[in-house]
């Protein structure tokens, strides 16, 4: 059965918890060099991303805890991409 979905992009204005509530999620660290993103204890260097793909029909309900090091880092840029069924 065909399942329709939309892709949503969100640039985070504030670092903290991110609720997935989607089929697939990718969290990008687009910060300048020297600013690391930490997702549930996993360090993501600038220019890299964390990806959690979903299988057909699955919904991910994970709450991801995001931190930036060094903190504060006003130039941090974090983008969240979600695949959401409609």
PDB file of N, CA and C in Angstrom:
ATOM      1  N   UNK A   1       0.841  -1.186   0.000  1.00  0.00           N
ATOM      2  CA  UNK A   1       0.000   0.000   0.000  1.00  0.00           C
ATOM      3  C   UNK A   1       0.885   1.249   0.000  1.00  0.00           C
ATOM      4  N   UNK A   2       0.555   2.157  -0.851  1.00  0.00           N
ATOM      5  CA  UNK A   2       1.311   3.399  -0.946  1.00  0.00           C
ATOM      6  C   UNK A   2       1.052   4.281   0.263  1.00  0.00           C
ATOM      7  N   UNK A   3       2.121   4.799   0.855  1.00  0.00           N
ATOM      8  CA  UNK A   3       2.013   5.669   2.020  1.00  0.00           C
ATOM      9  C   UNK A   3       2.591   7.036   1.669  1.00  0.00           C
ATOM     10  N   UNK A   4       1.784   8.073   1.787  1.00  0.00           N
ATOM     11  CA  UNK A   4       2.253   9.421   1.484  1.00  0.00           C
ATOM     12  C   UNK A   4       2.955  10.011   2.706  1.00  0.00           C
ATOM     13  N   UNK A   5       3.956  10.833   2.430  1.00  0.00           N
ATOM     14  CA  UNK A   5       4.684  11.497   3.506  1.00  0.00           C
ATOM     15  C   UNK A   5       5.167  12.859   3.046  1.00  0.00           C
ATOM     16  N   UNK A   6       5.587  13.652   4.001  1.00  0.00           N
ATOM     17  CA  UNK A   6       6.204  14.940   3.698  1.00  0.00           C
ATOM     18  C   UNK A   6       7.538  14.993   4.428  1.00  0.00           C
ATOM     19  N   UNK A   7       8.451  15.798   3.909  1.00  0.00           N
ATOM     20  CA  UNK A   7       9.740  16.002   4.542  1.00  0.00           C
ATOM     21  C   UNK A   7       9.740  17.385   5.167  1.00  0.00           C
ATOM     22  N   UNK A   8      10.101  17.445   6.441  1.00  0.00           N
ATOM     23  CA  UNK A   8      10.103  18.701   7.190  1.00  0.00           C
ATOM     24  C   UNK A   8      11.534  19.023   7.613  1.00  0.00           C
ATOM     25  N   UNK A   9      11.957  20.263   7.396  1.00  0.00           N
ATOM     26  CA  UNK A   9      13.267  20.729   7.841  1.00  0.00           C
ATOM     27  C   UNK A   9      13.055  21.799   8.906  1.00  0.00           C
ATOM     28  N   UNK A  10      13.850  21.721   9.971  1.00  0.00           N
ATOM     29  CA  UNK A  10      13.758  22.691  11.057  1.00  0.00           C
ATOM     30  C   UNK A  10      15.170  23.078  11.489  1.00  0.00           C
ATOM     31  N   UNK A  11      15.481  24.363  11.425  1.00  0.00           N
ATOM     32  CA  UNK A  11      16.727  24.870  11.982  1.00  0.00           C
ATOM     33  C   UNK A  11      16.432  25.270  13.421  1.00  0.00           C
ATOM     34  N   UNK A  12      17.132  24.651  14.349  1.00  0.00           N
ATOM     35  CA  UNK A  12      16.826  24.862  15.758  1.00  0.00           C
ATOM     36  C   UNK A  12      17.290  26.236  16.224  1.00  0.00           C
ATOM     37  N   UNK A  13      16.394  26.963  16.848  1.00  0.00           N
ATOM     38  CA  UNK A  13      16.722  28.264  17.420  1.00  0.00           C
ATOM     39  C   UNK A  13      17.322  28.075  18.813  1.00  0.00           C
ATOM     40  N   UNK A  14      17.016  26.939  19.424  1.00  0.00           N
ATOM     41  CA  UNK A  14      17.476  26.653  20.774  1.00  0.00           C
ATOM     42  C   UNK A  14      17.848  25.177  20.856  1.00  0.00           C
ATOM     43  N   UNK A  15      18.965  24.879  21.484  1.00  0.00           N
ATOM     44  CA  UNK A  15      19.421  23.503  21.635  1.00  0.00           C
ATOM     45  C   UNK A  15      18.818  22.937  22.910  1.00  0.00           C
ATOM     46  N   UNK A  16      18.314  21.724  22.825  1.00  0.00           N
ATOM     47  CA  UNK A  16      17.696  21.065  23.982  1.00  0.00           C
ATOM     48  C   UNK A  16      17.198  19.707  23.548  1.00  0.00           C
ATOM     49  N   UNK A  17      15.965  19.386  23.893  1.00  0.00           N
ATOM     50  CA  UNK A  17      15.369  18.120  23.493  1.00  0.00           C
ATOM     51  C   UNK A  17      14.657  18.255  22.154  1.00  0.00           C
ATOM     52  N   UNK A  18      14.775  17.202  21.336  1.00  0.00           N
ATOM     53  CA  UNK A  18      14.081  17.136  20.054  1.00  0.00           C
ATOM     54  C   UNK A  18      13.223  15.887  20.056  1.00  0.00           C
ATOM     55  N   UNK A  19      11.921  16.064  19.867  1.00  0.00           N
ATOM     56  CA  UNK A  19      10.985  14.945  19.779  1.00  0.00           C
ATOM     57  C   UNK A  19      10.897  14.508  18.329  1.00  0.00           C
ATOM     58  N   UNK A  20      11.076  13.224  18.067  1.00  0.00           N
ATOM     59  CA  UNK A  20      11.076  12.764  16.677  1.00  0.00           C
ATOM     60  C   UNK A  20       9.660  12.691  16.110  1.00  0.00           C
ATOM     61  N   UNK A  21       8.816  11.794  16.603  1.00  0.00           N
ATOM     62  CA  UNK A  21       7.441  11.616  16.117  1.00  0.00           C
ATOM     63  C   UNK A  21       7.371  11.584  14.596  1.00  0.00           C
ATOM     64  N   UNK A  22       8.196  10.735  13.994  1.00  0.00           N
ATOM     65  CA  UNK A  22       8.268  10.652  12.544  1.00  0.00           C
ATOM     66  C   UNK A  22       8.767   9.266  12.155  1.00  0.00           C
ATOM     67  N   UNK A  23       8.824   8.994  10.873  1.00  0.00           N
ATOM     68  CA  UNK A  23       9.338   7.719  10.394  1.00  0.00           C
ATOM     69  C   UNK A  23      10.858   7.700  10.403  1.00  0.00           C
ATOM     70  N   UNK A  24      11.478   8.744   9.892  1.00  0.00           N
ATOM     71  CA  UNK A  24      12.940   8.828   9.810  1.00  0.00           C
ATOM     72  C   UNK A  24      13.374  10.226  10.226  1.00  0.00           C
ATOM     73  N   UNK A  25      14.551  10.303  10.865  1.00  0.00           N
ATOM     74  CA  UNK A  25      15.060  11.598  11.314  1.00  0.00           C
ATOM     75  C   UNK A  25      16.557  11.668  11.051  1.00  0.00           C
ATOM     76  N   UNK A  26      16.999  12.846  10.615  1.00  0.00           N
ATOM     77  CA  UNK A  26      18.420  13.130  10.459  1.00  0.00           C
ATOM     78  C   UNK A  26      18.681  14.458  11.155  1.00  0.00           C
ATOM     79  N   UNK A  27      19.729  14.495  11.988  1.00  0.00           N
ATOM     80  CA  UNK A  27      20.089  15.709  12.707  1.00  0.00           C
ATOM     81  C   UNK A  27      21.488  16.114  12.243  1.00  0.00           C
ATOM     82  N   UNK A  28      21.567  17.262  11.598  1.00  0.00           N
ATOM     83  CA  UNK A  28      22.804  17.752  10.981  1.00  0.00           C
ATOM     84  C   UNK A  28      23.500  18.766  11.894  1.00  0.00           C
ATOM     85  N   UNK A  29      24.818  18.640  12.006  1.00  0.00           N
ATOM     86  CA  UNK A  29      25.621  19.664  12.667  1.00  0.00           C
ATOM     87  C   UNK A  29      26.256  20.517  11.568  1.00  0.00           C
ATOM     88  N   UNK A  30      25.675  21.674  11.321  1.00  0.00           N
ATOM     89  CA  UNK A  30      26.177  22.580  10.283  1.00  0.00           C
ATOM     90  C   UNK A  30      26.939  23.747  10.901  1.00  0.00           C
ATOM     91  N   UNK A  31      27.454  23.523  12.086  1.00  0.00           N
ATOM     92  CA  UNK A  31      28.212  24.546  12.799  1.00  0.00           C
ATOM     93  C   UNK A  31      29.605  24.695  12.216  1.00  0.00           C
ATOM     94  N   UNK A  32      30.260  25.828  12.517  1.00  0.00           N
ATOM     95  CA  UNK A  32      31.645  25.992  12.085  1.00  0.00           C
ATOM     96  C   UNK A  32      32.577  25.024  12.827  1.00  0.00           C
ATOM     97  N   UNK A  33      33.787  24.902  12.331  1.00  0.00           N
ATOM     98  CA  UNK A  33      34.790  24.022  12.941  1.00  0.00           C
ATOM     99  C   UNK A  33      34.946  24.324  14.431  1.00  0.00           C
ATOM    100  N   UNK A  34      35.098  23.264  15.208  1.00  0.00           N
ATOM    101  CA  UNK A  34      35.317  23.411  16.639  1.00  0.00           C
ATOM    102  C   UNK A  34      34.063  23.371  17.482  1.00  0.00           C
ATOM    103  N   UNK A  35      32.891  23.329  16.839  1.00  0.00           N
ATOM    104  CA  UNK A  35      31.626  23.268  17.589  1.00  0.00           C
ATOM    105  C   UNK A  35      31.014  21.887  17.368  1.00  0.00           C
ATOM    106  N   UNK A  36      31.024  21.072  18.405  1.00  0.00           N
ATOM    107  CA  UNK A  36      30.492  19.711  18.315  1.00  0.00           C
ATOM    108  C   UNK A  36      29.064  19.649  18.820  1.00  0.00           C
ATOM    109  N   UNK A  37      28.282  18.792  18.204  1.00  0.00           N
ATOM    110  CA  UNK A  37      26.913  18.495  18.621  1.00  0.00           C
ATOM    111  C   UNK A  37      26.937  17.155  19.339  1.00  0.00           C
ATOM    112  N   UNK A  38      26.309  17.086  20.498  1.00  0.00           N
ATOM    113  CA  UNK A  38      26.219  15.827  21.241  1.00  0.00           C
ATOM    114  C   UNK A  38      24.753  15.423  21.295  1.00  0.00           C
ATOM    115  N   UNK A  39      24.459  14.220  20.769  1.00  0.00           N
ATOM    116  CA  UNK A  39      23.094  13.683  20.734  1.00  0.00           C
ATOM    117  C   UNK A  39      23.067  12.429  21.595  1.00  0.00           C
ATOM    118  N   UNK A  40      22.378  12.509  22.731  1.00  0.00           N
ATOM    119  CA  UNK A  40      22.290  11.372  23.659  1.00  0.00           C
ATOM    120  C   UNK A  40      23.672  10.756  23.916  1.00  0.00           C
ATOM    121  N   UNK A  41      24.689  11.609  24.081  1.00  0.00           N
ATOM    122  CA  UNK A  41      26.041  11.155  24.386  1.00  0.00           C
ATOM    123  C   UNK A  41      26.925  10.876  23.184  1.00  0.00           C
ATOM    124  N   UNK A  42      26.375  10.900  21.976  1.00  0.00           N
ATOM    125  CA  UNK A  42      27.130  10.643  20.751  1.00  0.00           C
ATOM    126  C   UNK A  42      27.591  11.976  20.154  1.00  0.00           C
ATOM    127  N   UNK A  43      28.910  12.126  19.957  1.00  0.00           N
ATOM    128  CA  UNK A  43      29.457  13.376  19.429  1.00  0.00           C
ATOM    129  C   UNK A  43      29.408  13.390  17.906  1.00  0.00           C
ATOM    130  N   UNK A  44      28.834  14.472  17.362  1.00  0.00           N
ATOM    131  CA  UNK A  44      28.731  14.679  15.915  1.00  0.00           C
ATOM    132  C   UNK A  44      29.561  15.916  15.569  1.00  0.00           C
ATOM    133  N   UNK A  45      30.605  15.721  14.781  1.00  0.00           N
ATOM    134  CA  UNK A  45      31.491  16.818  14.383  1.00  0.00           C
ATOM    135  C   UNK A  45      30.801  17.708  13.351  1.00  0.00           C
ATOM    136  N   UNK A  46      31.276  18.944  13.199  1.00  0.00           N
ATOM    137  CA  UNK A  46      30.721  19.833  12.177  1.00  0.00           C
ATOM    138  C   UNK A  46      30.801  19.194  10.782  1.00  0.00           C
ATOM    139  N   UNK A  47      29.718  19.328  10.019  1.00  0.00           N
ATOM    140  CA  UNK A  47      29.665  18.770   8.670  1.00  0.00           C
ATOM    141  C   UNK A  47      29.148  17.348   8.629  1.00  0.00           C
ATOM    142  N   UNK A  48      28.854  16.766   9.778  1.00  0.00           N
ATOM    143  CA  UNK A  48      28.346  15.395   9.836  1.00  0.00           C
ATOM    144  C   UNK A  48      26.938  15.387  10.411  1.00  0.00           C
ATOM    145  N   UNK A  49      26.302  14.216  10.365  1.00  0.00           N
ATOM    146  CA  UNK A  49      24.916  14.105  10.812  1.00  0.00           C
ATOM    147  C   UNK A  49      24.669  12.766  11.492  1.00  0.00           C
ATOM    148  N   UNK A  50      23.621  12.743  12.308  1.00  0.00           N
ATOM    149  CA  UNK A  50      23.105  11.508  12.893  1.00  0.00           C
ATOM    150  C   UNK A  50      21.853  11.145  12.098  1.00  0.00           C
ATOM    151  N   UNK A  51      21.758   9.903  11.647  1.00  0.00           N
ATOM    152  CA  UNK A  51      20.616   9.469  10.843  1.00  0.00           C
ATOM    153  C   UNK A  51      19.987   8.240  11.473  1.00  0.00           C
ATOM    154  N   UNK A  52      18.688   8.278  11.659  1.00  0.00           N
ATOM    155  CA  UNK A  52      17.923   7.130  12.140  1.00  0.00           C
ATOM    156  C   UNK A  52      16.842   6.844  11.093  1.00  0.00           C
ATOM    157  N   UNK A  53      17.135   5.927  10.156  1.00  0.00           N
ATOM    158  CA  UNK A  53      16.157   5.621   9.110  1.00  0.00           C
ATOM    159  C   UNK A  53      15.017   4.782   9.683  1.00  0.00           C
ATOM    160  N   UNK A  54      13.876   4.883   9.072  1.00  0.00           N
ATOM    161  CA  UNK A  54      12.733   4.094   9.510  1.00  0.00           C
ATOM    162  C   UNK A  54      12.318   3.102   8.446  1.00  0.00           C
ATOM    163  N   UNK A  55      11.812   1.975   8.886  1.00  0.00           N
ATOM    164  CA  UNK A  55      11.227   1.008   7.964  1.00  0.00           C
ATOM    165  C   UNK A  55       9.792   1.418   7.659  1.00  0.00           C
ATOM    166  N   UNK A  56       9.250   0.884   6.596  1.00  0.00           N
ATOM    167  CA  UNK A  56       7.885   1.216   6.180  1.00  0.00           C
ATOM    168  C   UNK A  56       6.909   1.013   7.328  1.00  0.00           C
ATOM    169  N   UNK A  57       6.109   2.035   7.586  1.00  0.00           N
ATOM    170  CA  UNK A  57       5.062   1.963   8.593  1.00  0.00           C
ATOM    171  C   UNK A  57       5.504   2.266  10.013  1.00  0.00           C
ATOM    172  N   UNK A  58       6.797   2.385  10.272  1.00  0.00           N
ATOM    173  CA  UNK A  58       7.274   2.650  11.621  1.00  0.00           C
ATOM    174  C   UNK A  58       7.155   4.136  11.968  1.00  0.00           C
ATOM    175  N   UNK A  59       6.953   4.412  13.259  1.00  0.00           N
ATOM    176  CA  UNK A  59       6.984   5.773  13.783  1.00  0.00           C
ATOM    177  C   UNK A  59       7.985   5.792  14.936  1.00  0.00           C
ATOM    178  N   UNK A  60       8.994   6.647  14.814  1.00  0.00           N
ATOM    179  CA  UNK A  60      10.017   6.813  15.841  1.00  0.00           C
ATOM    180  C   UNK A  60       9.504   7.839  16.851  1.00  0.00           C
ATOM    181  N   UNK A  61       9.482   7.483  18.136  1.00  0.00           N
ATOM    182  CA  UNK A  61       9.004   8.409  19.172  1.00  0.00           C
ATOM    183  C   UNK A  61      10.113   8.816  20.137  1.00  0.00           C
ATOM    184  N   UNK A  62      11.349   8.634  19.739  1.00  0.00           N
ATOM    185  CA  UNK A  62      12.489   8.953  20.591  1.00  0.00           C
ATOM    186  C   UNK A  62      12.565  10.448  20.880  1.00  0.00           C
ATOM    187  N   UNK A  63      12.933  10.782  22.112  1.00  0.00           N
ATOM    188  CA  UNK A  63      13.264  12.153  22.472  1.00  0.00           C
ATOM    189  C   UNK A  63      14.791  12.225  22.504  1.00  0.00           C
ATOM    190  N   UNK A  64      15.358  13.041  21.629  1.00  0.00           N
ATOM    191  CA  UNK A  64      16.809  13.189  21.534  1.00  0.00           C
ATOM    192  C   UNK A  64      17.250  14.374  22.378  1.00  0.00           C
ATOM    193  N   UNK A  65      18.255  14.161  23.221  1.00  0.00           N
ATOM    194  CA  UNK A  65      18.822  15.212  24.051  1.00  0.00           C
ATOM    195  C   UNK A  65      20.041  15.787  23.329  1.00  0.00           C
ATOM    196  N   UNK A  66      19.977  17.072  22.963  1.00  0.00           N
ATOM    197  CA  UNK A  66      21.044  17.724  22.206  1.00  0.00           C
ATOM    198  C   UNK A  66      21.805  18.699  23.092  1.00  0.00           C
ATOM    199  N   UNK A  67      23.133  18.680  22.926  1.00  0.00           N
ATOM    200  CA  UNK A  67      24.009  19.633  23.604  1.00  0.00           C
ATOM    201  C   UNK A  67      25.049  20.106  22.603  1.00  0.00           C
ATOM    202  N   UNK A  68      25.616  21.269  22.858  1.00  0.00           N
ATOM    203  CA  UNK A  68      26.673  21.831  22.020  1.00  0.00           C
ATOM    204  C   UNK A  68      27.908  22.023  22.891  1.00  0.00           C
ATOM    205  N   UNK A  69      29.078  21.676  22.345  1.00  0.00           N
ATOM    206  CA  UNK A  69      30.328  21.984  23.034  1.00  0.00           C
ATOM    207  C   UNK A  69      31.251  22.694  22.063  1.00  0.00           C
ATOM    208  N   UNK A  70      31.962  23.726  22.472  1.00  0.00           N
ATOM    209  CA  UNK A  70      31.839  24.328  23.801  1.00  0.00           C
ATOM    210  C   UNK A  70      30.494  25.036  23.961  1.00  0.00           C
ATOM    211  N   UNK A  71      30.088  25.198  25.197  1.00  0.00           N
ATOM    212  CA  UNK A  71      28.816  25.830  25.488  1.00  0.00           C
ATOM    213  C   UNK A  71      29.088  27.063  26.328  1.00  0.00           C
ATOM    214  N   UNK A  72      28.642  28.245  25.959  1.00  0.00           N
ATOM    215  CA  UNK A  72      27.775  28.535  24.821  1.00  0.00           C
ATOM    216  C   UNK A  72      28.557  28.659  23.509  1.00  0.00           C
ATOM    217  N   UNK A  73      27.872  28.404  22.426  1.00  0.00           N
ATOM    218  CA  UNK A  73      28.409  28.554  21.066  1.00  0.00           C
ATOM    219  C   UNK A  73      27.360  29.261  20.216  1.00  0.00           C
ATOM    220  N   UNK A  74      27.381  30.585  20.187  1.00  0.00           N
ATOM    221  CA  UNK A  74      26.347  31.327  19.464  1.00  0.00           C
ATOM    222  C   UNK A  74      26.325  31.053  17.959  1.00  0.00           C
ATOM    223  N   UNK A  75      27.408  30.496  17.395  1.00  0.00           N
ATOM    224  CA  UNK A  75      27.441  30.222  15.958  1.00  0.00           C
ATOM    225  C   UNK A  75      27.006  28.795  15.618  1.00  0.00           C
ATOM    226  N   UNK A  76      26.508  28.058  16.597  1.00  0.00           N
ATOM    227  CA  UNK A  76      26.063  26.680  16.356  1.00  0.00           C
ATOM    228  C   UNK A  76      24.852  26.671  15.424  1.00  0.00           C
ATOM    229  N   UNK A  77      24.865  25.748  14.467  1.00  0.00           N
ATOM    230  CA  UNK A  77      23.752  25.583  13.536  1.00  0.00           C
ATOM    231  C   UNK A  77      23.389  24.100  13.499  1.00  0.00           C
ATOM    232  N   UNK A  78      22.179  23.783  13.938  1.00  0.00           N
ATOM    233  CA  UNK A  78      21.691  22.406  13.953  1.00  0.00           C
ATOM    234  C   UNK A  78      20.390  22.359  13.165  1.00  0.00           C
ATOM    235  N   UNK A  79      20.335  21.431  12.199  1.00  0.00           N
ATOM    236  CA  UNK A  79      19.149  21.281  11.352  1.00  0.00           C
ATOM    237  C   UNK A  79      18.597  19.873  11.538  1.00  0.00           C
ATOM    238  N   UNK A  80      17.289  19.785  11.710  1.00  0.00           N
ATOM    239  CA  UNK A  80      16.600  18.505  11.872  1.00  0.00           C
ATOM    240  C   UNK A  80      15.743  18.261  10.634  1.00  0.00           C
ATOM    241  N   UNK A  81      15.898  17.081  10.049  1.00  0.00           N
ATOM    242  CA  UNK A  81      15.080  16.660   8.905  1.00  0.00           C
ATOM    243  C   UNK A  81      14.233  15.479   9.353  1.00  0.00           C
ATOM    244  N   UNK A  82      12.918  15.568   9.124  1.00  0.00           N
ATOM    245  CA  UNK A  82      12.008  14.492   9.516  1.00  0.00           C
ATOM    246  C   UNK A  82      11.185  14.027   8.310  1.00  0.00           C
ATOM    247  N   UNK A  83      10.977  12.719   8.214  1.00  0.00           N
ATOM    248  CA  UNK A  83      10.053  12.130   7.239  1.00  0.00           C
ATOM    249  C   UNK A  83       8.782  11.807   8.021  1.00  0.00           C
ATOM    250  N   UNK A  84       7.695  12.501   7.664  1.00  0.00           N
ATOM    251  CA  UNK A  84       6.445  12.390   8.408  1.00  0.00           C
ATOM    252  C   UNK A  84       5.341  11.870   7.508  1.00  0.00           C
ATOM    253  N   UNK A  85       4.703  10.798   7.938  1.00  0.00           N
ATOM    254  CA  UNK A  85       3.564  10.266   7.175  1.00  0.00           C
ATOM    255  C   UNK A  85       2.385  11.211   7.280  1.00  0.00           C
ATOM    256  N   UNK A  86       1.646  11.338   6.161  1.00  0.00           N
ATOM    257  CA  UNK A  86       0.436  12.197   6.171  1.00  0.00           C
ATOM    258  C   UNK A  86      -0.781  11.370   5.819  1.00  0.00           C
TER     259      UNK A  86
END
